[in-house]
Protein backbone atom coordinates (compact mmCIF):
# COMPACT_ATOMS: atom_id res chain seq x y z
CA MET A 1 -24.20 50.97 36.42
CA SER A 2 -26.68 53.58 37.57
CA ARG A 3 -28.79 53.06 40.66
CA ASN A 4 -31.90 53.04 38.45
CA ILE A 5 -30.67 50.05 36.45
CA SER A 6 -29.39 48.35 39.60
CA SER A 7 -32.80 48.63 41.24
CA MET A 8 -34.50 47.22 38.14
CA VAL A 9 -32.04 44.32 38.06
CA ALA A 10 -32.71 43.70 41.77
CA VAL A 11 -36.48 43.57 41.22
CA PHE A 12 -36.04 41.19 38.27
CA GLY A 13 -33.68 39.01 40.33
CA LEU A 14 -36.10 38.91 43.25
CA GLY A 15 -38.97 37.91 40.97
CA ALA A 16 -36.92 35.16 39.33
CA GLY A 17 -35.74 33.97 42.74
CA LEU A 18 -39.30 33.68 44.05
CA VAL A 19 -40.38 31.69 41.00
CA HIS A 20 -37.36 29.39 41.25
CA LEU A 21 -38.12 28.75 44.93
CA ALA A 22 -41.73 27.89 44.10
CA VAL A 23 -40.70 25.63 41.20
CA GLY A 24 -38.14 23.90 43.38
CA ALA A 25 -40.69 23.27 46.13
CA GLY A 26 -42.69 20.91 43.93
CA SER A 27 -39.90 19.33 41.92
CA PRO A 28 -38.08 15.99 42.21
CA LEU A 29 -34.92 16.05 44.35
CA PRO A 30 -32.27 16.98 41.73
CA PHE A 31 -34.44 19.84 40.44
CA PHE A 32 -35.34 20.81 44.00
CA ILE A 33 -31.69 21.25 44.95
CA VAL A 34 -30.80 23.34 41.90
CA PHE A 35 -33.86 25.59 41.86
CA VAL A 36 -33.98 26.21 45.61
CA LEU A 37 -30.27 27.04 45.78
CA VAL A 38 -30.52 29.35 42.77
CA GLY A 39 -33.72 30.94 44.15
CA VAL A 40 -32.10 31.65 47.51
CA ALA A 41 -28.97 33.04 45.82
CA GLU A 42 -30.98 35.27 43.45
CA SER A 43 -33.12 36.59 46.29
CA ALA A 44 -30.08 37.30 48.49
CA TRP A 45 -28.30 38.99 45.59
CA ALA A 46 -31.35 41.15 44.95
CA VAL A 47 -31.46 42.27 48.59
CA LEU A 48 -27.72 43.06 48.52
CA THR A 49 -28.21 45.05 45.33
CA PHE A 50 -30.95 47.12 46.97
CA VAL A 51 -28.82 47.71 50.06
CA LYS A 52 -25.58 48.59 48.24
CA GLY A 53 -27.15 50.44 45.32
CA ARG A 54 -25.12 48.42 42.82
CA VAL A 55 -24.93 44.81 41.70
CA PRO A 56 -22.18 43.05 43.67
CA ALA A 57 -19.97 40.87 41.43
CA PRO A 58 -21.98 41.64 38.28
CA ARG A 59 -20.44 38.94 36.06
CA SER A 60 -21.14 36.26 38.66
CA PHE A 61 -24.69 37.57 39.01
CA ALA A 62 -25.19 37.29 35.24
CA ILE A 63 -23.92 33.70 35.28
CA LEU A 64 -26.18 32.85 38.23
CA THR A 65 -29.29 34.23 36.53
CA LEU A 66 -28.54 32.30 33.34
CA LEU A 67 -27.74 29.02 35.15
CA PRO A 68 -31.41 27.94 35.59
CA VAL A 69 -32.11 28.67 31.92
CA ALA A 70 -29.24 26.37 30.91
CA PHE A 71 -30.33 23.72 33.43
CA TRP A 72 -33.90 23.84 32.14
CA ALA A 73 -32.70 23.57 28.51
CA ALA A 74 -30.50 20.60 29.44
CA SER A 75 -33.41 18.87 31.19
CA ILE A 76 -35.56 19.34 28.08
CA ALA A 77 -32.75 17.95 25.89
CA LEU A 78 -32.47 14.91 28.17
CA GLY A 79 -36.22 14.31 28.01
CA VAL A 80 -37.03 15.09 31.64
CA GLY A 81 -38.21 18.65 31.08
CA GLY A 82 -41.82 17.50 31.35
CA LEU A 83 -41.36 17.20 35.11
CA LEU A 84 -41.07 20.99 35.34
CA PRO A 85 -43.81 23.59 34.82
CA LEU A 86 -43.42 25.39 31.49
CA GLY A 87 -45.06 28.74 32.28
CA PRO A 88 -43.28 29.52 35.55
CA LEU A 89 -39.87 28.60 34.17
CA ALA A 90 -40.50 30.63 31.02
CA ALA A 91 -41.36 33.68 33.16
CA ALA A 92 -38.32 33.20 35.40
CA SER A 93 -36.14 32.72 32.32
CA VAL A 94 -37.36 35.99 30.81
CA LEU A 95 -36.59 37.82 34.06
CA GLY A 96 -33.16 36.18 34.33
CA VAL A 97 -32.18 36.89 30.73
CA VAL A 98 -33.29 40.53 30.98
CA ALA A 99 -31.42 41.01 34.28
CA ALA A 100 -28.26 39.37 32.93
CA GLY A 101 -28.52 41.36 29.71
CA ALA A 102 -28.83 44.65 31.60
CA VAL A 103 -25.85 43.82 33.80
CA LEU A 104 -23.63 42.68 30.92
CA PHE A 105 -24.66 45.65 28.76
CA SER A 106 -23.81 48.10 31.54
CA ILE A 107 -20.43 46.41 32.09
CA ARG A 108 -19.65 46.66 28.39
CA ARG A 109 -20.88 50.25 28.22
CA ARG A 110 -18.83 51.25 31.27
CA THR A 111 -15.61 49.77 29.88
CA SER A 112 -16.04 51.04 26.33
CA THR A 113 -17.40 54.56 26.91
CA PRO A 114 -14.69 57.21 27.19
CA PRO A 115 -15.35 60.07 29.61
CA ARG A 116 -16.86 63.21 28.09
CA ALA A 117 -14.42 66.05 27.65
CA GLY A 118 -15.00 68.84 30.14
CA VAL A 119 -17.84 67.07 31.96
CA PRO A 120 -17.07 65.57 35.36
CA ALA A 121 -18.23 61.99 35.84
CA ALA A 122 -20.25 62.99 38.91
CA ALA A 123 -22.33 65.46 36.86
CA THR A 124 -23.17 62.80 34.29
CA ARG A 125 -24.08 60.32 37.01
CA ASP A 126 -26.27 62.86 38.86
CA ALA A 127 -28.29 63.56 35.70
CA ASP A 128 -29.05 59.84 35.36
CA GLU A 129 -30.12 59.50 39.00
CA HIS A 130 -32.91 62.03 39.33
CA PRO A 131 -35.35 60.88 42.07
CA TRP A 132 -38.32 60.76 39.69
CA ARG A 133 -36.37 58.59 37.27
CA PHE A 134 -35.52 56.25 40.10
CA ILE A 135 -39.14 56.04 41.23
CA GLY A 136 -40.31 55.53 37.65
CA ALA A 137 -37.74 52.80 37.01
CA LEU A 138 -38.63 51.06 40.25
CA ALA A 139 -42.39 51.28 39.61
CA ALA A 140 -42.06 50.07 36.01
CA SER A 141 -39.88 47.12 36.96
CA ALA A 142 -42.18 46.19 39.86
CA ALA A 143 -45.24 46.29 37.58
CA LEU A 144 -43.53 44.14 34.95
CA VAL A 145 -42.29 41.63 37.51
CA ALA A 146 -45.72 41.46 39.16
CA ALA A 147 -47.34 40.85 35.76
CA LEU A 148 -44.96 37.94 35.10
CA VAL A 149 -44.46 36.46 38.56
CA THR A 150 -48.07 36.38 39.81
CA PRO A 151 -49.35 33.99 37.12
CA ALA A 152 -46.05 32.10 37.22
CA LEU A 153 -46.44 31.42 40.93
CA SER A 154 -49.98 30.20 40.41
CA GLY A 155 -48.66 27.68 37.87
CA THR A 156 -46.31 26.02 40.35
CA TRP A 157 -47.00 23.15 42.71
CA ALA A 158 -47.13 25.61 45.61
CA GLY A 159 -49.66 27.71 43.70
CA GLN A 160 -51.94 24.72 43.24
CA PHE A 161 -52.50 24.61 46.99
CA ALA A 162 -53.08 28.32 47.52
CA VAL A 163 -56.44 29.32 48.93
CA PRO A 164 -58.85 29.85 46.03
CA HIS A 165 -60.12 33.39 45.69
CA GLY A 166 -63.64 33.85 46.94
CA SER A 167 -63.55 30.89 49.30
CA HIS A 168 -63.91 33.20 52.27
CA ASP A 169 -67.47 33.99 51.19
CA VAL A 170 -68.70 30.47 51.85
CA PRO A 171 -71.83 30.76 53.97
CA GLY A 172 -71.52 29.38 57.44
CA PRO A 173 -73.47 29.47 60.64
CA ALA A 174 -74.75 32.93 61.48
CA ILE A 175 -73.54 34.37 64.74
CA GLU A 176 -76.05 36.54 66.51
CA ASP A 177 -74.26 39.21 68.43
CA GLY A 178 -77.20 41.37 69.44
CA HIS A 179 -75.88 44.52 67.77
CA GLY A 180 -78.42 44.60 64.97
CA GLY A 181 -75.99 44.45 62.04
CA HIS A 182 -73.57 47.18 62.99
């Protein structure tokens, strides 16, 4: 898996981990345990992926990112899915499915693609890892994750208690400092 794809997977995993932590914070105990553990694991895996430049244990990572989706589906099937916020879990599920799909696709591609005749593997890898491609992949994944995670976090229990925007403009007692407004 190229470093570009690994960095995108790490950003997706970090976003999903943050949402799972926020969902777990306001959930009943069984959901709390599952979502907080998965959120911590996804966040740690994302940091390791950034540090190493590749996804450690990619199949296990794919299973981990799909575990909350299966748990959420099971809770809906059992009739207790209403205790969980729909929007945040949908956003985290999208991030998890995309990350798992990218990892599994790259594993399949790596095992099924024969090496090109006469082209060293290092030359092929270097063409995929141009610095501008890396920056573009990182920026695109960060923008996508921010677009999904920001509203998802506001839909969680933790987001309900965040400071409302604009509340810092509430008029209060004026403090005269003798500097004439400068």
